[in-house]
C-alpha cells in the first residue's frame, strides 16, 4: 500500500526536475496519446509543464510496474487531473470563383 508521504516525495522530486528543465514529453509512435493531444488541443510544452507542476497528492491514481521489457524494474506513478483544454479549429481554405 502506498502512503501519502511517498506520493509527496515523488511529486517533490518530479517537480524539481521539471523546474530544472530535466523532463521531456515523448512525441513518438509509442506515445500516440501524447501526439493526438498536441494535434487536437491548444497545448504546448509550457502548458504541460504548468499542469505537471500543479499536480497534488489528491491527483494520484495508482503505482504500477513498467511493462516495457527494458524498464520492468521501474515503477510508474499515475496521476489524473481534470482540466479544460480548448480544441484547435481546423481551417479549410476555399477558393471561390465568381462567374458573371
PDB file of N, CA and C in Angstrom:
ATOM      1  N   UNK A   1       0.838  -1.181   0.000  1.00  0.00           N
ATOM      2  CA  UNK A   1       0.000   0.000   0.000  1.00  0.00           C
ATOM      3  C   UNK A   1       0.887   1.250   0.000  1.00  0.00           C
ATOM      4  N   UNK A   2       0.578   2.174  -0.859  1.00  0.00           N
ATOM      5  CA  UNK A   2       1.355   3.407  -0.965  1.00  0.00           C
ATOM      6  C   UNK A   2       0.739   4.465  -0.047  1.00  0.00           C
ATOM      7  N   UNK A   3       1.599   5.214   0.636  1.00  0.00           N
ATOM      8  CA  UNK A   3       1.053   6.244   1.520  1.00  0.00           C
ATOM      9  C   UNK A   3       1.311   7.647   0.959  1.00  0.00           C
ATOM     10  N   UNK A   4       0.642   8.608   1.574  1.00  0.00           N
ATOM     11  CA  UNK A   4       0.654   9.988   1.094  1.00  0.00           C
ATOM     12  C   UNK A   4       2.067  10.577   1.078  1.00  0.00           C
ATOM     13  N   UNK A   5       2.893  10.225   2.043  1.00  0.00           N
ATOM     14  CA  UNK A   5       4.244  10.792   2.104  1.00  0.00           C
ATOM     15  C   UNK A   5       5.098  10.317   0.928  1.00  0.00           C
ATOM     16  N   UNK A   6       4.902   9.065   0.494  1.00  0.00           N
ATOM     17  CA  UNK A   6       5.642   8.564  -0.665  1.00  0.00           C
ATOM     18  C   UNK A   6       5.245   9.328  -1.927  1.00  0.00           C
ATOM     19  N   UNK A   7       3.956   9.600  -2.076  1.00  0.00           N
ATOM     20  CA  UNK A   7       3.470  10.347  -3.238  1.00  0.00           C
ATOM     21  C   UNK A   7       4.012  11.775  -3.198  1.00  0.00           C
ATOM     22  N   UNK A   8       3.986  12.403  -2.025  1.00  0.00           N
ATOM     23  CA  UNK A   8       4.520  13.756  -1.878  1.00  0.00           C
ATOM     24  C   UNK A   8       6.013  13.808  -2.191  1.00  0.00           C
ATOM     25  N   UNK A   9       6.750  12.794  -1.744  1.00  0.00           N
ATOM     26  CA  UNK A   9       8.190  12.729  -2.046  1.00  0.00           C
ATOM     27  C   UNK A   9       8.404  12.611  -3.555  1.00  0.00           C
ATOM     28  N   UNK A  10       7.634  11.740  -4.184  1.00  0.00           N
ATOM     29  CA  UNK A  10       7.746  11.558  -5.631  1.00  0.00           C
ATOM     30  C   UNK A  10       7.435  12.869  -6.356  1.00  0.00           C
ATOM     31  N   UNK A  11       6.334  13.516  -5.988  1.00  0.00           N
ATOM     32  CA  UNK A  11       5.947  14.778  -6.628  1.00  0.00           C
ATOM     33  C   UNK A  11       7.013  15.852  -6.415  1.00  0.00           C
ATOM     34  N   UNK A  12       7.571  15.908  -5.222  1.00  0.00           N
ATOM     35  CA  UNK A  12       8.622  16.897  -4.935  1.00  0.00           C
ATOM     36  C   UNK A  12       9.817  16.720  -5.850  1.00  0.00           C
ATOM     37  N   UNK A  13      10.276  15.474  -5.986  1.00  0.00           N
ATOM     38  CA  UNK A  13      11.408  15.181  -6.875  1.00  0.00           C
ATOM     39  C   UNK A  13      11.056  15.470  -8.327  1.00  0.00           C
ATOM     40  N   UNK A  14       9.864  15.065  -8.744  1.00  0.00           N
ATOM     41  CA  UNK A  14       9.441  15.277 -10.130  1.00  0.00           C
ATOM     42  C   UNK A  14       9.357  16.768 -10.445  1.00  0.00           C
ATOM     43  N   UNK A  15       8.780  17.544  -9.549  1.00  0.00           N
ATOM     44  CA  UNK A  15       8.623  18.987  -9.780  1.00  0.00           C
ATOM     45  C   UNK A  15       9.977  19.685  -9.829  1.00  0.00           C
ATOM     46  N   UNK A  16      10.917  19.221  -9.016  1.00  0.00           N
ATOM     47  CA  UNK A  16      12.261  19.784  -9.043  1.00  0.00           C
ATOM     48  C   UNK A  16      12.916  19.543 -10.415  1.00  0.00           C
ATOM     49  N   UNK A  17      12.765  18.346 -10.943  1.00  0.00           N
ATOM     50  CA  UNK A  17      13.309  18.025 -12.265  1.00  0.00           C
ATOM     51  C   UNK A  17      12.640  18.855 -13.357  1.00  0.00           C
ATOM     52  N   UNK A  18      11.327  19.035 -13.240  1.00  0.00           N
ATOM     53  CA  UNK A  18      10.590  19.837 -14.226  1.00  0.00           C
ATOM     54  C   UNK A  18      11.098  21.273 -14.204  1.00  0.00           C
ATOM     55  N   UNK A  19      11.239  21.847 -13.015  1.00  0.00           N
ATOM     56  CA  UNK A  19      11.721  23.227 -12.883  1.00  0.00           C
ATOM     57  C   UNK A  19      13.150  23.390 -13.395  1.00  0.00           C
ATOM     58  N   UNK A  20      13.947  22.332 -13.307  1.00  0.00           N
ATOM     59  CA  UNK A  20      15.327  22.356 -13.812  1.00  0.00           C
ATOM     60  C   UNK A  20      15.401  22.062 -15.308  1.00  0.00           C
ATOM     61  N   UNK A  21      14.224  21.857 -15.939  1.00  0.00           N
ATOM     62  CA  UNK A  21      14.206  21.569 -17.371  1.00  0.00           C
ATOM     63  C   UNK A  21      14.658  20.169 -17.718  1.00  0.00           C
ATOM     64  N   UNK A  22      14.592  19.264 -16.771  1.00  0.00           N
ATOM     65  CA  UNK A  22      15.046  17.886 -16.979  1.00  0.00           C
ATOM     66  C   UNK A  22      13.869  16.944 -17.181  1.00  0.00           C
ATOM     67  N   UNK A  23      12.979  17.341 -18.072  1.00  0.00           N
ATOM     68  CA  UNK A  23      11.852  16.481 -18.421  1.00  0.00           C
ATOM     69  C   UNK A  23      11.577  16.671 -19.903  1.00  0.00           C
ATOM     70  N   UNK A  24      10.922  15.690 -20.474  1.00  0.00           N
ATOM     71  CA  UNK A  24      10.526  15.801 -21.875  1.00  0.00           C
ATOM     72  C   UNK A  24       9.207  15.088 -22.068  1.00  0.00           C
ATOM     73  N   UNK A  25       8.503  15.525 -23.066  1.00  0.00           N
ATOM     74  CA  UNK A  25       7.238  14.909 -23.412  1.00  0.00           C
ATOM     75  C   UNK A  25       7.494  14.045 -24.634  1.00  0.00           C
ATOM     76  N   UNK A  26       7.319  12.754 -24.487  1.00  0.00           N
ATOM     77  CA  UNK A  26       7.581  11.845 -25.600  1.00  0.00           C
ATOM     78  C   UNK A  26       6.512  12.024 -26.677  1.00  0.00           C
ATOM     79  N   UNK A  27       6.963  12.342 -27.872  1.00  0.00           N
ATOM     80  CA  UNK A  27       6.065  12.516 -29.013  1.00  0.00           C
ATOM     81  C   UNK A  27       6.557  11.599 -30.136  1.00  0.00           C
ATOM     82  N   UNK A  28       6.333  10.311 -29.947  1.00  0.00           N
ATOM     83  CA  UNK A  28       6.760   9.331 -30.944  1.00  0.00           C
ATOM     84  C   UNK A  28       5.671   8.277 -31.107  1.00  0.00           C
ATOM     85  N   UNK A  29       5.945   7.301 -31.929  1.00  0.00           N
ATOM     86  CA  UNK A  29       4.923   6.293 -32.245  1.00  0.00           C
ATOM     87  C   UNK A  29       4.511   5.471 -31.023  1.00  0.00           C
ATOM     88  N   UNK A  30       5.328   5.455 -29.977  1.00  0.00           N
ATOM     89  CA  UNK A  30       4.959   4.748 -28.751  1.00  0.00           C
ATOM     90  C   UNK A  30       4.052   5.580 -27.851  1.00  0.00           C
ATOM     91  N   UNK A  31       3.900   6.845 -28.171  1.00  0.00           N
ATOM     92  CA  UNK A  31       3.097   7.761 -27.354  1.00  0.00           C
ATOM     93  C   UNK A  31       2.058   8.472 -28.219  1.00  0.00           C
ATOM     94  N   UNK A  32       1.226   7.684 -28.863  1.00  0.00           N
ATOM     95  CA  UNK A  32       0.219   8.234 -29.769  1.00  0.00           C
ATOM     96  C   UNK A  32      -0.782   9.127 -29.035  1.00  0.00           C
ATOM     97  N   UNK A  33      -1.050   8.831 -27.772  1.00  0.00           N
ATOM     98  CA  UNK A  33      -1.960   9.673 -26.994  1.00  0.00           C
ATOM     99  C   UNK A  33      -1.379  11.077 -26.851  1.00  0.00           C
ATOM    100  N   UNK A  34      -0.075  11.167 -26.597  1.00  0.00           N
ATOM    101  CA  UNK A  34       0.572  12.476 -26.497  1.00  0.00           C
ATOM    102  C   UNK A  34       0.487  13.216 -27.834  1.00  0.00           C
ATOM    103  N   UNK A  35       0.776  12.498 -28.906  1.00  0.00           N
ATOM    104  CA  UNK A  35       0.720  13.120 -30.237  1.00  0.00           C
ATOM    105  C   UNK A  35      -0.664  13.666 -30.532  1.00  0.00           C
ATOM    106  N   UNK A  36      -1.692  12.890 -30.239  1.00  0.00           N
ATOM    107  CA  UNK A  36      -3.051  13.342 -30.544  1.00  0.00           C
ATOM    108  C   UNK A  36      -3.461  14.504 -29.641  1.00  0.00           C
ATOM    109  N   UNK A  37      -2.967  14.530 -28.409  1.00  0.00           N
ATOM    110  CA  UNK A  37      -3.257  15.641 -27.505  1.00  0.00           C
ATOM    111  C   UNK A  37      -2.733  16.953 -28.098  1.00  0.00           C
ATOM    112  N   UNK A  38      -1.497  16.940 -28.573  1.00  0.00           N
ATOM    113  CA  UNK A  38      -0.905  18.147 -29.158  1.00  0.00           C
ATOM    114  C   UNK A  38      -1.530  18.488 -30.502  1.00  0.00           C
ATOM    115  N   UNK A  39      -2.041  17.492 -31.201  1.00  0.00           N
ATOM    116  CA  UNK A  39      -2.661  17.722 -32.504  1.00  0.00           C
ATOM    117  C   UNK A  39      -4.076  18.293 -32.372  1.00  0.00           C
ATOM    118  N   UNK A  40      -4.815  17.849 -31.382  1.00  0.00           N
ATOM    119  CA  UNK A  40      -6.232  18.212 -31.260  1.00  0.00           C
ATOM    120  C   UNK A  40      -6.507  19.426 -30.377  1.00  0.00           C
ATOM    121  N   UNK A  41      -5.600  19.750 -29.464  1.00  0.00           N
ATOM    122  CA  UNK A  41      -5.867  20.807 -28.490  1.00  0.00           C
ATOM    123  C   UNK A  41      -4.808  21.906 -28.541  1.00  0.00           C
ATOM    124  N   UNK A  42      -5.186  23.089 -28.080  1.00  0.00           N
ATOM    125  CA  UNK A  42      -4.251  24.202 -27.973  1.00  0.00           C
ATOM    126  C   UNK A  42      -3.432  24.004 -26.703  1.00  0.00           C
ATOM    127  N   UNK A  43      -2.361  23.261 -26.832  1.00  0.00           N
ATOM    128  CA  UNK A  43      -1.499  22.944 -25.694  1.00  0.00           C
ATOM    129  C   UNK A  43      -0.066  22.889 -26.209  1.00  0.00           C
ATOM    130  N   UNK A  44       0.851  23.325 -25.363  1.00  0.00           N
ATOM    131  CA  UNK A  44       2.270  23.279 -25.725  1.00  0.00           C
ATOM    132  C   UNK A  44       3.066  22.814 -24.510  1.00  0.00           C
ATOM    133  N   UNK A  45       4.388  22.783 -24.643  1.00  0.00           N
ATOM    134  CA  UNK A  45       5.212  22.275 -23.550  1.00  0.00           C
ATOM    135  C   UNK A  45       5.068  23.114 -22.280  1.00  0.00           C
ATOM    136  N   UNK A  46       4.905  24.428 -22.423  1.00  0.00           N
ATOM    137  CA  UNK A  46       4.732  25.280 -21.245  1.00  0.00           C
ATOM    138  C   UNK A  46       3.428  24.954 -20.518  1.00  0.00           C
ATOM    139  N   UNK A  47       2.361  24.690 -21.294  1.00  0.00           N
ATOM    140  CA  UNK A  47       1.075  24.313 -20.686  1.00  0.00           C
ATOM    141  C   UNK A  47       1.220  23.007 -19.919  1.00  0.00           C
ATOM    142  N   UNK A  48       1.892  22.045 -20.535  1.00  0.00           N
ATOM    143  CA  UNK A  48       2.083  20.742 -19.888  1.00  0.00           C
ATOM    144  C   UNK A  48       2.917  20.918 -18.622  1.00  0.00           C
ATOM    145  N   UNK A  49       3.946  21.731 -18.708  1.00  0.00           N
ATOM    146  CA  UNK A  49       4.792  21.991 -17.541  1.00  0.00           C
ATOM    147  C   UNK A  49       3.946  22.552 -16.394  1.00  0.00           C
ATOM    148  N   UNK A  50       3.086  23.494 -16.697  1.00  0.00           N
ATOM    149  CA  UNK A  50       2.208  24.087 -15.688  1.00  0.00           C
ATOM    150  C   UNK A  50       1.268  23.042 -15.086  1.00  0.00           C
ATOM    151  N   UNK A  51       0.698  22.199 -15.931  1.00  0.00           N
ATOM    152  CA  UNK A  51      -0.208  21.138 -15.451  1.00  0.00           C
ATOM    153  C   UNK A  51       0.540  20.200 -14.507  1.00  0.00           C
ATOM    154  N   UNK A  52       1.737  19.782 -14.906  1.00  0.00           N
ATOM    155  CA  UNK A  52       2.531  18.866 -14.076  1.00  0.00           C
ATOM    156  C   UNK A  52       2.915  19.503 -12.749  1.00  0.00           C
ATOM    157  N   UNK A  53       3.274  20.784 -12.775  1.00  0.00           N
ATOM    158  CA  UNK A  53       3.668  21.462 -11.540  1.00  0.00           C
ATOM    159  C   UNK A  53       2.491  21.675 -10.594  1.00  0.00           C
ATOM    160  N   UNK A  54       1.279  21.594 -11.114  1.00  0.00           N
ATOM    161  CA  UNK A  54       0.091  21.769 -10.278  1.00  0.00           C
ATOM    162  C   UNK A  54      -0.520  20.453  -9.799  1.00  0.00           C
ATOM    163  N   UNK A  55       0.130  19.331 -10.087  1.00  0.00           N
ATOM    164  CA  UNK A  55      -0.357  18.049  -9.571  1.00  0.00           C
ATOM    165  C   UNK A  55      -0.201  18.018  -8.053  1.00  0.00           C
ATOM    166  N   UNK A  56      -1.145  17.372  -7.396  1.00  0.00           N
ATOM    167  CA  UNK A  56      -1.078  17.213  -5.942  1.00  0.00           C
ATOM    168  C   UNK A  56      -1.258  15.733  -5.594  1.00  0.00           C
ATOM    169  N   UNK A  57      -1.073  15.422  -4.353  1.00  0.00           N
ATOM    170  CA  UNK A  57      -1.259  14.060  -3.874  1.00  0.00           C
ATOM    171  C   UNK A  57      -2.682  13.573  -4.153  1.00  0.00           C
ATOM    172  N   UNK A  58      -3.633  14.497  -4.211  1.00  0.00           N
ATOM    173  CA  UNK A  58      -5.037  14.131  -4.443  1.00  0.00           C
ATOM    174  C   UNK A  58      -5.316  13.762  -5.899  1.00  0.00           C
ATOM    175  N   UNK A  59      -4.363  14.044  -6.789  1.00  0.00           N
ATOM    176  CA  UNK A  59      -4.498  13.661  -8.202  1.00  0.00           C
ATOM    177  C   UNK A  59      -3.927  12.265  -8.472  1.00  0.00           C
ATOM    178  N   UNK A  60      -3.313  11.674  -7.462  1.00  0.00           N
ATOM    179  CA  UNK A  60      -2.689  10.355  -7.616  1.00  0.00           C
ATOM    180  C   UNK A  60      -3.745   9.276  -7.822  1.00  0.00           C
ATOM    181  N   UNK A  61      -3.477   8.370  -8.775  1.00  0.00           N
ATOM    182  CA  UNK A  61      -4.402   7.256  -9.057  1.00  0.00           C
ATOM    183  C   UNK A  61      -3.827   5.910  -8.623  1.00  0.00           C
ATOM    184  N   UNK A  62      -2.629   5.595  -9.124  1.00  0.00           N
ATOM    185  CA  UNK A  62      -2.053   4.294  -8.800  1.00  0.00           C
ATOM    186  C   UNK A  62      -0.566   4.261  -9.122  1.00  0.00           C
ATOM    187  N   UNK A  63       0.104   3.260  -8.566  1.00  0.00           N
ATOM    188  CA  UNK A  63       1.516   2.996  -8.830  1.00  0.00           C
ATOM    189  C   UNK A  63       1.578   1.620  -9.487  1.00  0.00           C
ATOM    190  N   UNK A  64       2.149   1.571 -10.703  1.00  0.00           N
ATOM    191  CA  UNK A  64       2.188   0.309 -11.443  1.00  0.00           C
ATOM    192  C   UNK A  64       3.605   0.028 -11.919  1.00  0.00           C
ATOM    193  N   UNK A  65       3.898  -1.243 -12.079  1.00  0.00           N
ATOM    194  CA  UNK A  65       5.201  -1.632 -12.600  1.00  0.00           C
ATOM    195  C   UNK A  65       5.233  -1.394 -14.097  1.00  0.00           C
ATOM    196  N   UNK A  66       6.344  -0.855 -14.585  1.00  0.00           N
ATOM    197  CA  UNK A  66       6.519  -0.616 -16.012  1.00  0.00           C
ATOM    198  C   UNK A  66       6.494  -1.958 -16.746  1.00  0.00           C
ATOM    199  N   UNK A  67       5.692  -2.056 -17.801  1.00  0.00           N
ATOM    200  CA  UNK A  67       5.551  -3.306 -18.550  1.00  0.00           C
ATOM    201  C   UNK A  67       6.563  -3.443 -19.685  1.00  0.00           C
ATOM    202  N   UNK A  68       7.296  -2.370 -19.985  1.00  0.00           N
ATOM    203  CA  UNK A  68       8.307  -2.413 -21.039  1.00  0.00           C
ATOM    204  C   UNK A  68       9.449  -3.313 -20.575  1.00  0.00           C
ATOM    205  N   UNK A  69       9.858  -4.258 -21.418  1.00  0.00           N
ATOM    206  CA  UNK A  69      10.855  -5.264 -21.049  1.00  0.00           C
ATOM    207  C   UNK A  69      12.153  -4.655 -20.519  1.00  0.00           C
ATOM    208  N   UNK A  70      12.609  -3.569 -21.110  1.00  0.00           N
ATOM    209  CA  UNK A  70      13.876  -2.967 -20.677  1.00  0.00           C
ATOM    210  C   UNK A  70      13.745  -2.128 -19.411  1.00  0.00           C
ATOM    211  N   UNK A  71      12.527  -1.869 -18.981  1.00  0.00           N
ATOM    212  CA  UNK A  71      12.315  -0.990 -17.838  1.00  0.00           C
ATOM    213  C   UNK A  71      11.401  -1.607 -16.783  1.00  0.00           C
ATOM    214  N   UNK A  72      11.275  -2.940 -16.774  1.00  0.00           N
ATOM    215  CA  UNK A  72      10.339  -3.577 -15.846  1.00  0.00           C
ATOM    216  C   UNK A  72      10.769  -3.481 -14.385  1.00  0.00           C
ATOM    217  N   UNK A  73      11.939  -2.931 -14.118  1.00  0.00           N
ATOM    218  CA  UNK A  73      12.389  -2.682 -12.743  1.00  0.00           C
ATOM    219  C   UNK A  73      11.851  -1.344 -12.220  1.00  0.00           C
ATOM    220  N   UNK A  74      11.263  -0.536 -13.099  1.00  0.00           N
ATOM    221  CA  UNK A  74      10.764   0.782 -12.727  1.00  0.00           C
ATOM    222  C   UNK A  74       9.296   0.736 -12.305  1.00  0.00           C
ATOM    223  N   UNK A  75       8.936   1.701 -11.469  1.00  0.00           N
ATOM    224  CA  UNK A  75       7.547   1.874 -11.075  1.00  0.00           C
ATOM    225  C   UNK A  75       7.041   3.186 -11.662  1.00  0.00           C
ATOM    226  N   UNK A  76       5.820   3.183 -12.152  1.00  0.00           N
ATOM    227  CA  UNK A  76       5.206   4.362 -12.743  1.00  0.00           C
ATOM    228  C   UNK A  76       4.116   4.875 -11.810  1.00  0.00           C
ATOM    229  N   UNK A  77       4.165   6.155 -11.545  1.00  0.00           N
ATOM    230  CA  UNK A  77       3.148   6.799 -10.713  1.00  0.00           C
ATOM    231  C   UNK A  77       2.141   7.436 -11.668  1.00  0.00           C
ATOM    232  N   UNK A  78       0.899   7.053 -11.551  1.00  0.00           N
ATOM    233  CA  UNK A  78      -0.151   7.508 -12.466  1.00  0.00           C
ATOM    234  C   UNK A  78      -1.004   8.554 -11.759  1.00  0.00           C
ATOM    235  N   UNK A  79      -1.161   9.696 -12.421  1.00  0.00           N
ATOM    236  CA  UNK A  79      -1.970  10.782 -11.883  1.00  0.00           C
ATOM    237  C   UNK A  79      -3.068  11.115 -12.875  1.00  0.00           C
ATOM    238  N   UNK A  80      -4.161  11.631 -12.384  1.00  0.00           N
ATOM    239  CA  UNK A  80      -5.254  12.075 -13.241  1.00  0.00           C
ATOM    240  C   UNK A  80      -5.745  13.425 -12.742  1.00  0.00           C
ATOM    241  N   UNK A  81      -5.886  14.347 -13.650  1.00  0.00           N
ATOM    242  CA  UNK A  81      -6.347  15.683 -13.267  1.00  0.00           C
ATOM    243  C   UNK A  81      -7.285  16.177 -14.348  1.00  0.00           C
ATOM    244  N   UNK A  82      -8.450  16.608 -13.948  1.00  0.00           N
ATOM    245  CA  UNK A  82      -9.412  17.114 -14.916  1.00  0.00           C
ATOM    246  C   UNK A  82      -9.092  18.577 -15.197  1.00  0.00           C
ATOM    247  N   UNK A  83      -8.843  18.869 -16.456  1.00  0.00           N
ATOM    248  CA  UNK A  83      -8.554  20.243 -16.865  1.00  0.00           C
ATOM    249  C   UNK A  83      -9.339  20.553 -18.129  1.00  0.00           C
ATOM    250  N   UNK A  84      -9.580  21.816 -18.359  1.00  0.00           N
ATOM    251  CA  UNK A  84     -10.269  22.245 -19.571  1.00  0.00           C
ATOM    252  C   UNK A  84      -9.243  22.650 -20.617  1.00  0.00           C
ATOM    253  N   UNK A  85      -9.362  22.060 -21.784  1.00  0.00           N
ATOM    254  CA  UNK A  85      -8.489  22.399 -22.902  1.00  0.00           C
ATOM    255  C   UNK A  85      -9.346  22.878 -24.058  1.00  0.00           C
ATOM    256  N   UNK A  86      -8.809  23.800 -24.819  1.00  0.00           N
ATOM    257  CA  UNK A  86      -9.530  24.308 -25.974  1.00  0.00           C
ATOM    258  C   UNK A  86      -9.122  23.507 -27.210  1.00  0.00           C
ATOM    259  N   UNK A  87     -10.124  23.023 -27.940  1.00  0.00           N
ATOM    260  CA  UNK A  87      -9.853  22.283 -29.174  1.00  0.00           C
ATOM    261  C   UNK A  87      -9.356  23.233 -30.244  1.00  0.00           C
ATOM    262  N   UNK A  88      -8.457  22.737 -31.070  1.00  0.00           N
ATOM    263  CA  UNK A  88      -7.976  23.521 -32.197  1.00  0.00           C
ATOM    264  C   UNK A  88      -9.069  23.611 -33.248  1.00  0.00           C
ATOM    265  N   UNK A  89      -9.114  24.722 -33.899  1.00  0.00           N
ATOM    266  CA  UNK A  89     -10.050  24.896 -35.001  1.00  0.00           C
ATOM    267  C   UNK A  89      -9.302  24.519 -36.270  1.00  0.00           C
ATOM    268  N   UNK A  90      -9.879  23.640 -37.031  1.00  0.00           N
ATOM    269  CA  UNK A  90      -9.283  23.237 -38.304  1.00  0.00           C
ATOM    270  C   UNK A  90      -9.842  24.141 -39.395  1.00  0.00           C
ATOM    271  N   UNK A  91      -8.981  24.894 -40.014  1.00  0.00           N
ATOM    272  CA  UNK A  91      -9.403  25.821 -41.055  1.00  0.00           C
ATOM    273  C   UNK A  91      -9.299  25.156 -42.417  1.00  0.00           C
ATOM    274  N   UNK A  92     -10.299  25.361 -43.186  1.00  0.00           N
ATOM    275  CA  UNK A  92     -10.298  24.867 -44.556  1.00  0.00           C
ATOM    276  C   UNK A  92     -10.326  26.081 -45.477  1.00  0.00           C
ATOM    277  N   UNK A  93      -9.422  26.132 -46.388  1.00  0.00           N
ATOM    278  CA  UNK A  93      -9.350  27.255 -47.314  1.00  0.00           C
ATOM    279  C   UNK A  93     -10.114  26.891 -48.577  1.00  0.00           C
ATOM    280  N   UNK A  94     -11.019  27.770 -48.954  1.00  0.00           N
ATOM    281  CA  UNK A  94     -11.825  27.549 -50.147  1.00  0.00           C
ATOM    282  C   UNK A  94     -11.514  28.666 -51.137  1.00  0.00           C
ATOM    283  N   UNK A  95     -11.455  28.318 -52.372  1.00  0.00           N
ATOM    284  CA  UNK A  95     -11.308  29.296 -53.430  1.00  0.00           C
ATOM    285  C   UNK A  95     -12.674  29.454 -54.089  1.00  0.00           C
ATOM    286  N   UNK A  96     -13.135  30.661 -54.108  1.00  0.00           N
ATOM    287  CA  UNK A  96     -14.460  30.942 -54.661  1.00  0.00           C
ATOM    288  C   UNK A  96     -14.298  31.720 -55.958  1.00  0.00           C
ATOM    289  N   UNK A  97     -14.859  31.208 -57.000  1.00  0.00           N
ATOM    290  CA  UNK A  97     -14.797  31.901 -58.287  1.00  0.00           C
ATOM    291  C   UNK A  97     -16.190  32.428 -58.607  1.00  0.00           C
ATOM    292  N   UNK A  98     -16.229  33.688 -58.926  1.00  0.00           N
ATOM    293  CA  UNK A  98     -17.496  34.291 -59.324  1.00  0.00           C
ATOM    294  C   UNK A  98     -17.494  34.425 -60.839  1.00  0.00           C
ATOM    295  N   UNK A  99     -18.499  33.872 -61.448  1.00  0.00           N
ATOM    296  CA  UNK A  99     -18.624  33.937 -62.908  1.00  0.00           C
ATOM    297  C   UNK A  99     -19.782  34.837 -63.235  1.00  0.00           C
ATOM    298  N   UNK A 100     -19.543  35.876 -64.070  1.00  0.00           N
ATOM    299  CA  UNK A 100     -20.611  36.793 -64.470  1.00  0.00           C
ATOM    300  C   UNK A 100     -21.206  36.376 -65.777  1.00  0.00           C
TER     301      UNK A 100
END
